[in-house]
Amino acid sequence: MTRNSEDEDKHLFEMGLVYGAILGCLGLIALIMFSEPRLIIACLIFLIWILVFSLI
């Protein structure tokens, strides 16, 4: 792996964390506003997917 691709991977990882944090905050706001079980489950699945995607 070259130096350039390592920097790129680190940047992508950081961007994934930023987007994950933003979506996490929006998800929490949505959970507070709408206490619908289906919405809660959908948010959790989506946040877990984002987390896994950012760690790969």
PDB file of N, CA and C in Angstrom:
ATOM      1  N   MET A   1       0.843  -1.193   0.000  1.00  0.00           N
ATOM      2  CA  MET A   1       0.000   0.000   0.000  1.00  0.00           C
ATOM      3  C   MET A   1       0.886   1.253   0.000  1.00  0.00           C
ATOM      4  N   THR A   2       0.604   2.143  -0.895  1.00  0.00           N
ATOM      5  CA  THR A   2       1.437   3.347  -0.985  1.00  0.00           C
ATOM      6  C   THR A   2       1.007   4.377   0.044  1.00  0.00           C
ATOM      7  N   ARG A   3       1.858   5.347   0.244  1.00  0.00           N
ATOM      8  CA  ARG A   3       1.589   6.408   1.227  1.00  0.00           C
ATOM      9  C   ARG A   3       0.320   7.180   0.856  1.00  0.00           C
ATOM     10  N   ASN A   4       0.137   7.424  -0.425  1.00  0.00           N
ATOM     11  CA  ASN A   4      -1.004   8.210  -0.883  1.00  0.00           C
ATOM     12  C   ASN A   4      -2.331   7.523  -0.559  1.00  0.00           C
ATOM     13  N   SER A   5      -2.417   6.218  -0.803  1.00  0.00           N
ATOM     14  CA  SER A   5      -3.676   5.521  -0.554  1.00  0.00           C
ATOM     15  C   SER A   5      -3.957   5.406   0.944  1.00  0.00           C
ATOM     16  N   GLU A   6      -2.912   5.360   1.780  1.00  0.00           N
ATOM     17  CA  GLU A   6      -3.124   5.342   3.232  1.00  0.00           C
ATOM     18  C   GLU A   6      -3.743   6.660   3.686  1.00  0.00           C
ATOM     19  N   ASP A   7      -3.236   7.771   3.163  1.00  0.00           N
ATOM     20  CA  ASP A   7      -3.808   9.076   3.504  1.00  0.00           C
ATOM     21  C   ASP A   7      -5.260   9.158   3.039  1.00  0.00           C
ATOM     22  N   GLU A   8      -5.516   8.609   1.860  1.00  0.00           N
ATOM     23  CA  GLU A   8      -6.873   8.631   1.315  1.00  0.00           C
ATOM     24  C   GLU A   8      -7.811   7.798   2.185  1.00  0.00           C
ATOM     25  N   ASP A   9      -7.338   6.623   2.626  1.00  0.00           N
ATOM     26  CA  ASP A   9      -8.150   5.775   3.495  1.00  0.00           C
ATOM     27  C   ASP A   9      -8.447   6.478   4.811  1.00  0.00           C
ATOM     28  N   LYS A  10      -7.448   7.161   5.372  1.00  0.00           N
ATOM     29  CA  LYS A  10      -7.650   7.881   6.630  1.00  0.00           C
ATOM     30  C   LYS A  10      -8.685   8.989   6.438  1.00  0.00           C
ATOM     31  N   HIS A  11      -8.601   9.689   5.310  1.00  0.00           N
ATOM     32  CA  HIS A  11      -9.556  10.761   5.023  1.00  0.00           C
ATOM     33  C   HIS A  11     -10.973  10.194   4.895  1.00  0.00           C
ATOM     34  N   LEU A  12     -11.109   9.073   4.178  1.00  0.00           N
ATOM     35  CA  LEU A  12     -12.424   8.454   4.020  1.00  0.00           C
ATOM     36  C   LEU A  12     -12.975   7.999   5.364  1.00  0.00           C
ATOM     37  N   PHE A  13     -12.091   7.463   6.221  1.00  0.00           N
ATOM     38  CA  PHE A  13     -12.512   7.019   7.550  1.00  0.00           C
ATOM     39  C   PHE A  13     -13.011   8.199   8.376  1.00  0.00           C
ATOM     40  N   GLU A  14     -12.266   9.316   8.325  1.00  0.00           N
ATOM     41  CA  GLU A  14     -12.674  10.509   9.072  1.00  0.00           C
ATOM     42  C   GLU A  14     -14.002  11.046   8.555  1.00  0.00           C
ATOM     43  N   MET A  15     -14.178  11.051   7.231  1.00  0.00           N
ATOM     44  CA  MET A  15     -15.439  11.518   6.663  1.00  0.00           C
ATOM     45  C   MET A  15     -16.587  10.601   7.096  1.00  0.00           C
ATOM     46  N   GLY A  16     -16.319   9.295   7.151  1.00  0.00           N
ATOM     47  CA  GLY A  16     -17.332   8.347   7.606  1.00  0.00           C
ATOM     48  C   GLY A  16     -17.743   8.618   9.042  1.00  0.00           C
ATOM     49  N   LEU A  17     -16.755   8.937   9.887  1.00  0.00           N
ATOM     50  CA  LEU A  17     -17.062   9.251  11.286  1.00  0.00           C
ATOM     51  C   LEU A  17     -17.891  10.523  11.385  1.00  0.00           C
ATOM     52  N   VAL A  18     -17.540  11.528  10.574  1.00  0.00           N
ATOM     53  CA  VAL A  18     -18.285  12.795  10.596  1.00  0.00           C
ATOM     54  C   VAL A  18     -19.732  12.568  10.171  1.00  0.00           C
ATOM     55  N   TYR A  19     -19.913  11.865   9.040  1.00  0.00           N
ATOM     56  CA  TYR A  19     -21.271  11.604   8.575  1.00  0.00           C
ATOM     57  C   TYR A  19     -22.034  10.733   9.570  1.00  0.00           C
ATOM     58  N   GLY A  20     -21.343   9.764  10.168  1.00  0.00           N
ATOM     59  CA  GLY A  20     -21.976   8.909  11.172  1.00  0.00           C
ATOM     60  C   GLY A  20     -22.447   9.709  12.374  1.00  0.00           C
ATOM     61  N   ALA A  21     -21.617  10.657  12.823  1.00  0.00           N
ATOM     62  CA  ALA A  21     -21.989  11.490  13.974  1.00  0.00           C
ATOM     63  C   ALA A  21     -23.189  12.369  13.639  1.00  0.00           C
ATOM     64  N   ILE A  22     -23.175  12.965  12.439  1.00  0.00           N
ATOM     65  CA  ILE A  22     -24.293  13.822  12.022  1.00  0.00           C
ATOM     66  C   ILE A  22     -25.585  13.007  11.937  1.00  0.00           C
ATOM     67  N   LEU A  23     -25.497  11.840  11.288  1.00  0.00           N
ATOM     68  CA  LEU A  23     -26.687  11.002  11.155  1.00  0.00           C
ATOM     69  C   LEU A  23     -27.144  10.478  12.509  1.00  0.00           C
ATOM     70  N   GLY A  24     -26.184  10.225  13.407  1.00  0.00           N
ATOM     71  CA  GLY A  24     -26.533   9.782  14.755  1.00  0.00           C
ATOM     72  C   GLY A  24     -27.328  10.842  15.492  1.00  0.00           C
ATOM     73  N   CYS A  25     -26.885  12.099  15.392  1.00  0.00           N
ATOM     74  CA  CYS A  25     -27.611  13.203  16.043  1.00  0.00           C
ATOM     75  C   CYS A  25     -29.008  13.349  15.450  1.00  0.00           C
ATOM     76  N   LEU A  26     -29.104  13.294  14.126  1.00  0.00           N
ATOM     77  CA  LEU A  26     -30.414  13.394  13.480  1.00  0.00           C
ATOM     78  C   LEU A  26     -31.308  12.231  13.893  1.00  0.00           C
ATOM     79  N   GLY A  27     -30.700  11.045  14.012  1.00  0.00           N
ATOM     80  CA  GLY A  27     -31.459   9.871  14.434  1.00  0.00           C
ATOM     81  C   GLY A  27     -32.004  10.028  15.841  1.00  0.00           C
ATOM     82  N   LEU A  28     -31.172  10.563  16.751  1.00  0.00           N
ATOM     83  CA  LEU A  28     -31.630  10.776  18.130  1.00  0.00           C
ATOM     84  C   LEU A  28     -32.768  11.788  18.181  1.00  0.00           C
ATOM     85  N   ILE A  29     -32.643  12.863  17.394  1.00  0.00           N
ATOM     86  CA  ILE A  29     -33.715  13.866  17.341  1.00  0.00           C
ATOM     87  C   ILE A  29     -35.004  13.224  16.823  1.00  0.00           C
ATOM     88  N   ALA A  30     -34.864  12.396  15.782  1.00  0.00           N
ATOM     89  CA  ALA A  30     -36.041  11.719  15.224  1.00  0.00           C
ATOM     90  C   ALA A  30     -36.664  10.773  16.252  1.00  0.00           C
ATOM     91  N   LEU A  31     -35.824  10.083  17.036  1.00  0.00           N
ATOM     92  CA  LEU A  31     -36.351   9.164  18.051  1.00  0.00           C
ATOM     93  C   LEU A  31     -37.131   9.923  19.112  1.00  0.00           C
ATOM     94  N   ILE A  32     -36.623  11.098  19.487  1.00  0.00           N
ATOM     95  CA  ILE A  32     -37.300  11.898  20.507  1.00  0.00           C
ATOM     96  C   ILE A  32     -38.627  12.439  19.962  1.00  0.00           C
ATOM     97  N   MET A  33     -38.612  12.909  18.719  1.00  0.00           N
ATOM     98  CA  MET A  33     -39.810  13.529  18.139  1.00  0.00           C
ATOM     99  C   MET A  33     -40.881  12.497  17.786  1.00  0.00           C
ATOM    100  N   PHE A  34     -40.459  11.401  17.124  1.00  0.00           N
ATOM    101  CA  PHE A  34     -41.419  10.375  16.702  1.00  0.00           C
ATOM    102  C   PHE A  34     -41.043   9.064  17.385  1.00  0.00           C
ATOM    103  N   SER A  35     -41.813   8.657  18.351  1.00  0.00           N
ATOM    104  CA  SER A  35     -41.483   7.415  19.063  1.00  0.00           C
ATOM    105  C   SER A  35     -42.186   6.222  18.407  1.00  0.00           C
ATOM    106  N   GLU A  36     -41.975   6.090  17.105  1.00  0.00           N
ATOM    107  CA  GLU A  36     -42.552   4.972  16.370  1.00  0.00           C
ATOM    108  C   GLU A  36     -41.539   3.831  16.326  1.00  0.00           C
ATOM    109  N   PRO A  37     -41.919   2.629  16.726  1.00  0.00           N
ATOM    110  CA  PRO A  37     -40.965   1.509  16.777  1.00  0.00           C
ATOM    111  C   PRO A  37     -40.295   1.216  15.439  1.00  0.00           C
ATOM    112  N   ARG A  38     -41.054   1.287  14.355  1.00  0.00           N
ATOM    113  CA  ARG A  38     -40.461   0.999  13.039  1.00  0.00           C
ATOM    114  C   ARG A  38     -39.392   2.015  12.688  1.00  0.00           C
ATOM    115  N   LEU A  39     -39.633   3.276  13.016  1.00  0.00           N
ATOM    116  CA  LEU A  39     -38.660   4.331  12.729  1.00  0.00           C
ATOM    117  C   LEU A  39     -37.402   4.141  13.567  1.00  0.00           C
ATOM    118  N   ILE A  40     -37.581   3.772  14.840  1.00  0.00           N
ATOM    119  CA  ILE A  40     -36.444   3.540  15.727  1.00  0.00           C
ATOM    120  C   ILE A  40     -35.577   2.411  15.174  1.00  0.00           C
ATOM    121  N   ILE A  41     -36.198   1.308  14.781  1.00  0.00           N
ATOM    122  CA  ILE A  41     -35.462   0.159  14.247  1.00  0.00           C
ATOM    123  C   ILE A  41     -34.748   0.544  12.957  1.00  0.00           C
ATOM    124  N   ALA A  42     -35.427   1.291  12.080  1.00  0.00           N
ATOM    125  CA  ALA A  42     -34.817   1.718  10.822  1.00  0.00           C
ATOM    126  C   ALA A  42     -33.599   2.600  11.078  1.00  0.00           C
ATOM    127  N   CYS A  43     -33.709   3.530  12.033  1.00  0.00           N
ATOM    128  CA  CYS A  43     -32.585   4.409  12.371  1.00  0.00           C
ATOM    129  C   CYS A  43     -31.410   3.602  12.898  1.00  0.00           C
ATOM    130  N   LEU A  44     -31.678   2.657  13.791  1.00  0.00           N
ATOM    131  CA  LEU A  44     -30.605   1.852  14.371  1.00  0.00           C
ATOM    132  C   LEU A  44     -29.899   1.029  13.299  1.00  0.00           C
ATOM    133  N   ILE A  45     -30.664   0.403  12.420  1.00  0.00           N
ATOM    134  CA  ILE A  45     -30.069  -0.392  11.343  1.00  0.00           C
ATOM    135  C   ILE A  45     -29.225   0.495  10.439  1.00  0.00           C
ATOM    136  N   PHE A  46     -29.751   1.677  10.104  1.00  0.00           N
ATOM    137  CA  PHE A  46     -29.020   2.596   9.230  1.00  0.00           C
ATOM    138  C   PHE A  46     -27.730   3.068   9.891  1.00  0.00           C
ATOM    139  N   LEU A  47     -27.781   3.414  11.191  1.00  0.00           N
ATOM    140  CA  LEU A  47     -26.587   3.877  11.901  1.00  0.00           C
ATOM    141  C   LEU A  47     -25.548   2.771  12.023  1.00  0.00           C
ATOM    142  N   ILE A  48     -25.996   1.535  12.275  1.00  0.00           N
ATOM    143  CA  ILE A  48     -25.059   0.407  12.351  1.00  0.00           C
ATOM    144  C   ILE A  48     -24.412   0.189  10.993  1.00  0.00           C
ATOM    145  N   TRP A  49     -25.196   0.296   9.914  1.00  0.00           N
ATOM    146  CA  TRP A  49     -24.668   0.124   8.563  1.00  0.00           C
ATOM    147  C   TRP A  49     -23.609   1.183   8.261  1.00  0.00           C
ATOM    148  N   ILE A  50     -23.880   2.442   8.643  1.00  0.00           N
ATOM    149  CA  ILE A  50     -22.922   3.528   8.442  1.00  0.00           C
ATOM    150  C   ILE A  50     -21.646   3.250   9.230  1.00  0.00           C
ATOM    151  N   LEU A  51     -21.789   2.799  10.476  1.00  0.00           N
ATOM    152  CA  LEU A  51     -20.628   2.514  11.318  1.00  0.00           C
ATOM    153  C   LEU A  51     -19.777   1.408  10.706  1.00  0.00           C
ATOM    154  N   VAL A  52     -20.412   0.318  10.291  1.00  0.00           N
ATOM    155  CA  VAL A  52     -19.682  -0.794   9.678  1.00  0.00           C
ATOM    156  C   VAL A  52     -19.005  -0.334   8.391  1.00  0.00           C
ATOM    157  N   PHE A  53     -19.729   0.434   7.576  1.00  0.00           N
ATOM    158  CA  PHE A  53     -19.184   0.918   6.309  1.00  0.00           C
ATOM    159  C   PHE A  53     -17.968   1.811   6.536  1.00  0.00           C
ATOM    160  N   SER A  54     -17.999   2.627   7.602  1.00  0.00           N
ATOM    161  CA  SER A  54     -16.879   3.535   7.870  1.00  0.00           C
ATOM    162  C   SER A  54     -15.675   2.787   8.431  1.00  0.00           C
ATOM    163  N   LEU A  55     -15.881   1.618   9.019  1.00  0.00           N
ATOM    164  CA  LEU A  55     -14.771   0.855   9.596  1.00  0.00           C
ATOM    165  C   LEU A  55     -14.098  -0.053   8.577  1.00  0.00           C
ATOM    166  N   ILE A  56     -14.779  -0.368   7.489  1.00  0.00           N
ATOM    167  CA  ILE A  56     -14.201  -1.263   6.469  1.00  0.00           C
ATOM    168  C   ILE A  56     -13.065  -0.554   5.746  1.00  0.00           C
TER     169      ILE A  56
END
